[in-house]
């Protein structure tokens, strides 16, 4: 049975354009979707923590509008 050593693996995760998928590249490329998703997760988590602390933007807007 042949096994692969972990050192035989490529040093970077390449896909689509042959660049490192974790590197920050400017423009329309597959890496932009990865970074966009990461920043969206950070923003969503930050908003949830902000809301749990008692500062709800949505609740304040609804209260201002009259609901």
N, C-alpha and C. Protein backbone atom coordinates (compact mmCIF):
# COMPACT_ATOMS: atom_id res chain seq x y z
N UNK A 1 0.84 -1.18 0.00
CA UNK A 1 0.00 0.00 0.00
C UNK A 1 0.89 1.25 0.00
N UNK A 2 0.64 2.13 -0.93
CA UNK A 2 1.45 3.33 -1.04
C UNK A 2 0.79 4.48 -0.27
N UNK A 3 1.58 5.14 0.52
CA UNK A 3 1.07 6.29 1.28
C UNK A 3 1.80 7.55 0.85
N UNK A 4 1.14 8.68 1.04
CA UNK A 4 1.74 9.97 0.71
C UNK A 4 2.15 10.67 1.97
N UNK A 5 3.32 11.20 1.97
CA UNK A 5 3.76 12.01 3.10
C UNK A 5 3.10 13.37 3.02
N UNK A 6 2.91 14.00 4.16
CA UNK A 6 2.29 15.32 4.17
C UNK A 6 3.19 16.35 3.49
N UNK A 7 4.48 16.07 3.40
CA UNK A 7 5.39 17.01 2.75
C UNK A 7 5.25 16.98 1.23
N UNK A 8 4.56 15.98 0.69
CA UNK A 8 4.35 15.91 -0.75
C UNK A 8 3.22 16.83 -1.21
N UNK A 9 2.47 17.39 -0.27
CA UNK A 9 1.35 18.24 -0.63
C UNK A 9 1.86 19.58 -1.13
N UNK A 10 1.09 20.24 -2.00
CA UNK A 10 1.53 21.55 -2.48
C UNK A 10 1.58 22.56 -1.34
N UNK A 11 2.48 23.53 -1.39
CA UNK A 11 2.62 24.49 -0.30
C UNK A 11 1.47 25.49 -0.20
N UNK A 12 0.72 25.70 -1.29
CA UNK A 12 -0.41 26.62 -1.26
C UNK A 12 -1.61 25.93 -1.89
N UNK A 13 -2.81 26.36 -1.51
CA UNK A 13 -4.03 25.83 -2.10
C UNK A 13 -4.33 26.64 -3.36
N UNK A 14 -4.02 26.08 -4.51
CA UNK A 14 -4.22 26.80 -5.77
C UNK A 14 -5.50 26.33 -6.44
N UNK A 15 -6.16 27.24 -7.12
CA UNK A 15 -7.36 26.90 -7.88
C UNK A 15 -7.60 27.97 -8.92
N UNK A 16 -8.29 27.62 -9.96
CA UNK A 16 -8.71 28.53 -11.02
C UNK A 16 -7.55 29.21 -11.72
N UNK A 17 -6.93 30.18 -11.09
CA UNK A 17 -5.90 30.96 -11.79
C UNK A 17 -4.49 30.63 -11.31
N UNK A 18 -4.33 29.55 -10.56
CA UNK A 18 -3.01 29.13 -10.14
C UNK A 18 -2.39 29.95 -9.03
N UNK A 19 -3.13 30.87 -8.44
CA UNK A 19 -2.61 31.71 -7.35
C UNK A 19 -3.08 31.13 -6.02
N UNK A 20 -2.42 31.55 -4.96
CA UNK A 20 -2.81 31.12 -3.62
C UNK A 20 -4.22 31.62 -3.33
N UNK A 21 -5.12 30.73 -2.93
CA UNK A 21 -6.51 31.11 -2.69
C UNK A 21 -6.67 32.01 -1.47
N UNK A 22 -5.70 32.05 -0.58
CA UNK A 22 -5.79 32.88 0.61
C UNK A 22 -5.12 34.24 0.45
N UNK A 23 -4.45 34.45 -0.66
CA UNK A 23 -3.79 35.75 -0.86
C UNK A 23 -4.82 36.79 -1.25
N UNK A 24 -4.56 38.04 -0.87
CA UNK A 24 -5.47 39.13 -1.20
C UNK A 24 -5.07 39.70 -2.55
N UNK A 25 -5.90 39.45 -3.56
CA UNK A 25 -5.65 39.96 -4.90
C UNK A 25 -6.75 40.94 -5.25
N UNK A 26 -6.38 42.07 -5.82
CA UNK A 26 -7.35 43.10 -6.17
C UNK A 26 -8.01 42.76 -7.50
N UNK A 27 -9.32 43.00 -7.60
CA UNK A 27 -10.03 42.81 -8.86
C UNK A 27 -11.02 41.67 -8.79
N UNK A 28 -11.60 41.35 -9.95
CA UNK A 28 -12.59 40.27 -10.04
C UNK A 28 -11.86 38.95 -10.23
N UNK A 29 -11.82 38.15 -9.18
CA UNK A 29 -11.14 36.87 -9.23
C UNK A 29 -11.76 35.94 -8.18
N UNK A 30 -11.47 34.67 -8.23
CA UNK A 30 -12.05 33.73 -7.25
C UNK A 30 -11.69 34.08 -5.81
N UNK A 31 -10.52 34.65 -5.57
CA UNK A 31 -10.12 35.01 -4.22
C UNK A 31 -11.03 36.09 -3.65
N UNK A 32 -11.58 36.95 -4.50
CA UNK A 32 -12.46 38.03 -4.03
C UNK A 32 -13.69 37.45 -3.34
N UNK A 33 -14.22 36.35 -3.85
CA UNK A 33 -15.39 35.72 -3.22
C UNK A 33 -15.04 35.15 -1.86
N UNK A 34 -13.85 34.58 -1.73
CA UNK A 34 -13.43 34.06 -0.43
C UNK A 34 -13.31 35.18 0.59
N UNK A 35 -12.65 36.27 0.20
CA UNK A 35 -12.47 37.40 1.12
C UNK A 35 -13.80 38.09 1.41
N UNK A 36 -14.67 38.19 0.42
CA UNK A 36 -15.98 38.79 0.62
C UNK A 36 -16.77 37.98 1.65
N UNK A 37 -16.73 36.67 1.55
CA UNK A 37 -17.42 35.82 2.52
C UNK A 37 -16.84 35.95 3.91
N UNK A 38 -15.52 36.04 4.00
CA UNK A 38 -14.88 36.18 5.31
C UNK A 38 -15.26 37.50 5.97
N UNK A 39 -15.22 38.58 5.20
CA UNK A 39 -15.59 39.88 5.76
C UNK A 39 -17.07 39.93 6.13
N UNK A 40 -17.92 39.26 5.34
CA UNK A 40 -19.35 39.21 5.66
C UNK A 40 -19.58 38.46 6.97
N UNK A 41 -18.85 37.37 7.19
CA UNK A 41 -18.98 36.63 8.45
C UNK A 41 -18.54 37.47 9.64
N UNK A 42 -17.46 38.22 9.46
CA UNK A 42 -16.98 39.09 10.54
C UNK A 42 -18.02 40.18 10.83
N UNK A 43 -18.58 40.79 9.78
CA UNK A 43 -19.58 41.83 9.96
C UNK A 43 -20.84 41.30 10.61
N UNK A 44 -21.29 40.13 10.19
CA UNK A 44 -22.50 39.54 10.77
C UNK A 44 -22.29 39.22 12.25
N UNK A 45 -21.14 38.67 12.58
CA UNK A 45 -20.83 38.37 13.98
C UNK A 45 -20.74 39.65 14.80
N UNK A 46 -20.12 40.68 14.24
CA UNK A 46 -20.01 41.96 14.95
C UNK A 46 -21.38 42.55 15.20
N UNK A 47 -22.27 42.47 14.21
CA UNK A 47 -23.62 43.00 14.41
C UNK A 47 -24.37 42.20 15.47
N UNK A 48 -24.24 40.88 15.47
CA UNK A 48 -24.91 40.07 16.49
C UNK A 48 -24.41 40.43 17.89
N UNK A 49 -23.12 40.62 18.04
CA UNK A 49 -22.58 41.01 19.34
C UNK A 49 -23.07 42.40 19.74
N UNK A 50 -23.13 43.31 18.77
CA UNK A 50 -23.63 44.67 19.02
C UNK A 50 -25.09 44.60 19.46
N UNK A 51 -25.88 43.75 18.80
CA UNK A 51 -27.29 43.61 19.13
C UNK A 51 -27.47 42.99 20.52
N UNK A 52 -26.67 42.00 20.85
CA UNK A 52 -26.75 41.38 22.17
C UNK A 52 -26.34 42.35 23.27
N UNK A 53 -25.53 43.33 22.95
CA UNK A 53 -25.12 44.33 23.93
C UNK A 53 -26.22 45.36 24.17
N UNK A 54 -27.30 45.31 23.38
CA UNK A 54 -28.42 46.21 23.59
C UNK A 54 -28.54 47.34 22.59
N UNK A 55 -27.66 47.39 21.62
CA UNK A 55 -27.70 48.45 20.61
C UNK A 55 -28.20 47.85 19.29
N UNK A 56 -29.50 47.85 19.09
CA UNK A 56 -30.07 47.25 17.89
C UNK A 56 -30.44 48.31 16.87
N UNK A 57 -29.79 48.32 15.75
CA UNK A 57 -30.08 49.26 14.68
C UNK A 57 -31.47 48.98 14.12
N UNK A 58 -31.79 47.72 13.89
CA UNK A 58 -33.09 47.35 13.32
C UNK A 58 -34.21 47.76 14.27
N UNK A 59 -34.08 47.46 15.54
CA UNK A 59 -35.11 47.81 16.52
C UNK A 59 -35.27 49.33 16.61
N UNK A 60 -34.17 50.07 16.59
CA UNK A 60 -34.24 51.53 16.65
C UNK A 60 -34.93 52.11 15.41
N UNK A 61 -34.65 51.58 14.24
CA UNK A 61 -35.28 52.06 13.01
C UNK A 61 -36.77 51.76 13.04
N UNK A 62 -37.15 50.54 13.44
CA UNK A 62 -38.56 50.20 13.51
C UNK A 62 -39.29 51.05 14.54
N UNK A 63 -38.65 51.36 15.65
CA UNK A 63 -39.26 52.21 16.65
C UNK A 63 -39.42 53.64 16.12
N UNK A 64 -38.44 54.11 15.36
CA UNK A 64 -38.49 55.46 14.78
C UNK A 64 -39.60 55.56 13.75
N UNK A 65 -39.81 54.50 12.96
CA UNK A 65 -40.83 54.51 11.92
C UNK A 65 -42.23 54.41 12.54
N UNK A 66 -42.34 53.77 13.69
CA UNK A 66 -43.63 53.69 14.37
C UNK A 66 -44.15 52.29 14.57
N UNK A 67 -43.35 51.30 14.37
CA UNK A 67 -43.79 49.91 14.58
C UNK A 67 -43.50 49.46 15.97
